[in-house]
């Protein structure tokens, strides 16, 4: 199996392919589609990388908010089924980020610093209803950057989450006799 790409290689490829990926959307969505898709590809590759399950360049890029990804790292082993799977990995990271945003809204709304969770959900619903093609371009951009990452890593077979691996190990050992 070929060696996995370094963080620097992932970043370079993401930067080089963001605009060409965005340009694929020009015929259908024009300049706005190019901008949204290219930006989503960059965000997916640089801030929402599958490598957020480790202390990586992606996690450090979050700066003072990098602690948000600590629980994610603790729950998932590197290259797990959840973090490094097509579709499941990207949607999991997006859902994880959305949960943090909703929690922040719940905590900071009383101080007027963020919209409430209900307002955030209404905003997301409105965005989906009014700009669905651009939202889809953004989601596909994030997912495409995940595919790029996985292909650079040699399309690895993701690992099962730690709790499932422990359960399987216990079952393979069978019942213990004698104590």
Protein backbone atom coordinates (compact mmCIF):
# COMPACT_ATOMS: atom_id res chain seq x y z
CA UNK A 1 0.00 0.00 0.00
CA UNK A 2 1.47 3.41 -0.89
CA UNK A 3 2.45 5.80 1.89
CA UNK A 4 -0.16 8.29 3.01
CA UNK A 5 0.27 11.87 1.90
CA UNK A 6 1.54 14.40 4.41
CA UNK A 7 -0.58 17.30 5.61
CA UNK A 8 1.43 19.59 3.35
CA UNK A 9 0.65 17.44 0.30
CA UNK A 10 -3.05 17.39 1.16
CA UNK A 11 -3.05 21.18 1.48
CA UNK A 12 -1.16 21.74 -1.75
CA UNK A 13 -3.52 19.50 -3.72
CA UNK A 14 -6.56 21.16 -2.13
CA UNK A 15 -5.25 24.60 -3.05
CA UNK A 16 -4.40 23.59 -6.60
CA UNK A 17 -7.71 21.86 -7.32
CA UNK A 18 -10.16 24.24 -5.60
CA UNK A 19 -10.54 26.63 -8.55
CA UNK A 20 -10.74 23.91 -11.24
CA UNK A 21 -13.39 22.18 -9.12
CA UNK A 22 -15.28 25.45 -8.77
CA UNK A 23 -15.11 26.05 -12.53
CA UNK A 24 -16.99 22.80 -13.11
CA UNK A 25 -20.04 24.58 -11.65
CA UNK A 26 -19.82 27.62 -13.95
CA UNK A 27 -22.14 26.32 -16.70
CA UNK A 28 -24.95 25.57 -14.25
CA UNK A 29 -24.50 28.20 -11.53
CA UNK A 30 -22.33 30.94 -13.00
CA UNK A 31 -19.80 32.93 -11.01
CA UNK A 32 -21.63 32.40 -7.71
CA UNK A 33 -21.44 28.63 -8.19
CA UNK A 34 -17.73 28.83 -8.98
CA UNK A 35 -17.06 30.88 -5.85
CA UNK A 36 -19.22 28.73 -3.55
CA UNK A 37 -17.91 25.39 -4.83
CA UNK A 38 -14.25 26.47 -4.78
CA UNK A 39 -14.55 27.99 -1.30
CA UNK A 40 -16.36 24.89 0.02
CA UNK A 41 -13.63 22.69 -1.48
CA UNK A 42 -11.00 24.78 0.33
CA UNK A 43 -12.92 24.76 3.61
CA UNK A 44 -13.48 21.01 3.33
CA UNK A 45 -9.82 20.31 2.67
CA UNK A 46 -8.24 22.81 5.05
CA UNK A 47 -10.68 23.16 7.99
CA UNK A 48 -12.92 20.08 7.76
CA UNK A 49 -10.30 17.53 6.78
CA UNK A 50 -10.69 13.85 7.66
CA UNK A 51 -7.53 14.36 9.73
CA UNK A 52 -9.44 16.30 12.38
CA UNK A 53 -9.39 12.95 14.19
CA UNK A 54 -5.72 13.69 15.01
CA UNK A 55 -3.76 16.69 16.19
CA UNK A 56 -3.06 17.90 12.68
CA UNK A 57 -2.53 21.00 10.60
CA UNK A 58 -6.30 21.06 10.08
CA UNK A 59 -7.06 21.05 13.79
CA UNK A 60 -4.41 23.71 14.51
CA UNK A 61 -5.91 25.88 11.78
CA UNK A 62 -8.97 26.31 14.03
CA UNK A 63 -6.77 28.45 16.29
CA UNK A 64 -8.36 29.21 19.66
CA UNK A 65 -11.39 27.09 18.69
CA UNK A 66 -9.35 23.94 18.07
CA UNK A 67 -10.54 22.56 21.44
CA UNK A 68 -13.93 22.03 19.77
CA UNK A 69 -12.43 19.04 17.97
CA UNK A 70 -10.98 17.41 21.12
CA UNK A 71 -14.12 15.29 21.80
CA UNK A 72 -14.18 14.26 18.13
CA UNK A 73 -10.55 13.10 18.37
CA UNK A 74 -11.22 11.24 21.61
CA UNK A 75 -14.23 9.38 20.20
CA UNK A 76 -12.66 8.41 16.88
CA UNK A 77 -9.40 6.70 16.11
CA UNK A 78 -7.41 7.97 13.15
CA UNK A 79 -8.75 6.73 9.81
CA UNK A 80 -11.84 5.31 11.47
CA UNK A 81 -14.94 4.28 9.56
CA UNK A 82 -16.68 7.47 10.69
CA UNK A 83 -13.91 9.99 9.98
CA UNK A 84 -12.42 8.60 6.78
CA UNK A 85 -15.43 7.28 4.89
CA UNK A 86 -16.88 8.96 1.84
CA UNK A 87 -20.18 10.73 2.64
CA UNK A 88 -20.25 9.53 6.25
CA UNK A 89 -17.03 11.37 7.14
CA UNK A 90 -18.01 14.73 5.64
CA UNK A 91 -21.57 14.60 6.88
CA UNK A 92 -20.35 13.60 10.32
CA UNK A 93 -17.95 16.55 10.54
CA UNK A 94 -20.61 18.95 9.25
CA UNK A 95 -23.17 17.62 11.75
CA UNK A 96 -20.59 17.83 14.56
CA UNK A 97 -19.87 21.46 13.67
CA UNK A 98 -23.60 22.22 13.42
CA UNK A 99 -24.17 20.79 16.90
CA UNK A 100 -21.46 23.06 18.31
CA UNK A 101 -23.03 26.04 16.53
CA UNK A 102 -26.46 25.22 17.95
CA UNK A 103 -24.99 24.82 21.43
CA UNK A 104 -23.19 28.16 21.09
CA UNK A 105 -26.46 29.73 19.97
CA UNK A 106 -28.24 28.33 23.02
CA UNK A 107 -25.56 29.66 25.37
CA UNK A 108 -24.85 33.03 23.74
CA UNK A 109 -28.29 34.06 22.47
CA UNK A 110 -29.39 35.39 25.88
CA UNK A 111 -26.48 37.86 25.66
CA UNK A 112 -27.37 38.91 22.10
CA UNK A 113 -24.16 37.40 20.69
CA UNK A 114 -25.68 34.74 18.42
CA UNK A 115 -29.10 33.83 17.07
CA UNK A 116 -31.00 31.20 19.05
CA UNK A 117 -30.86 27.56 17.90
CA UNK A 118 -34.38 27.94 16.48
CA UNK A 119 -33.29 31.03 14.54
CA UNK A 120 -30.17 29.23 13.28
CA UNK A 121 -32.28 26.30 12.08
CA UNK A 122 -34.73 28.68 10.40
CA UNK A 123 -31.79 30.42 8.73
CA UNK A 124 -30.48 27.07 7.45
CA UNK A 125 -33.96 26.11 6.21
CA UNK A 126 -34.31 29.44 4.40
CA UNK A 127 -30.87 29.06 2.83
CA UNK A 128 -31.84 25.59 1.62
CA UNK A 129 -35.16 26.77 0.20
CA UNK A 130 -33.85 29.92 -1.51
CA UNK A 131 -30.37 28.83 -2.64
CA UNK A 132 -30.58 25.04 -2.94
CA UNK A 133 -28.28 24.74 -5.98
CA UNK A 134 -25.55 26.74 -4.23
CA UNK A 135 -25.98 24.80 -0.99
CA UNK A 136 -25.65 21.56 -2.97
CA UNK A 137 -22.52 22.92 -4.69
CA UNK A 138 -21.09 23.70 -1.24
CA UNK A 139 -21.89 20.24 0.12
CA UNK A 140 -20.44 18.56 -2.96
CA UNK A 141 -17.34 20.77 -2.61
CA UNK A 142 -16.75 19.63 0.96
CA UNK A 143 -17.31 16.00 -0.06
CA UNK A 144 -15.03 16.30 -3.10
CA UNK A 145 -12.20 17.55 -0.92
CA UNK A 146 -12.72 14.50 1.32
CA UNK A 147 -12.44 12.22 -1.72
CA UNK A 148 -9.24 13.99 -2.73
CA UNK A 149 -7.85 13.40 0.75
CA UNK A 150 -8.82 9.71 0.73
CA UNK A 151 -7.38 9.17 -2.75
CA UNK A 152 -4.11 10.80 -1.72
CA UNK A 153 -3.97 8.49 1.28
CA UNK A 154 -4.19 5.54 -1.10
CA UNK A 155 -7.95 5.11 -0.67
CA UNK A 156 -7.45 3.45 2.71
CA UNK A 157 -9.91 1.07 4.22
CA UNK A 158 -11.29 2.98 7.20
CA UNK A 159 -11.10 1.42 10.66
CA UNK A 160 -14.10 0.66 12.83
CA UNK A 161 -14.73 2.99 15.79
CA UNK A 162 -12.88 2.07 19.02
CA UNK A 163 -15.96 0.80 20.91
CA UNK A 164 -16.85 -1.57 18.05
CA UNK A 165 -13.25 -2.83 17.79
CA UNK A 166 -13.23 -3.57 21.55
CA UNK A 167 -16.55 -5.38 21.31
CA UNK A 168 -15.31 -7.52 18.41
CA UNK A 169 -12.07 -8.33 20.27
CA UNK A 170 -14.04 -9.42 23.35
CA UNK A 171 -16.29 -11.65 21.27
CA UNK A 172 -13.34 -13.25 19.48
CA UNK A 173 -11.71 -14.11 22.81
CA UNK A 174 -14.85 -15.87 23.94
CA UNK A 175 -16.00 -16.41 27.52
CA UNK A 176 -13.28 -16.63 30.17
CA UNK A 177 -13.16 -19.79 32.17
CA UNK A 178 -11.86 -20.30 35.68
CA UNK A 179 -11.96 -17.17 37.89
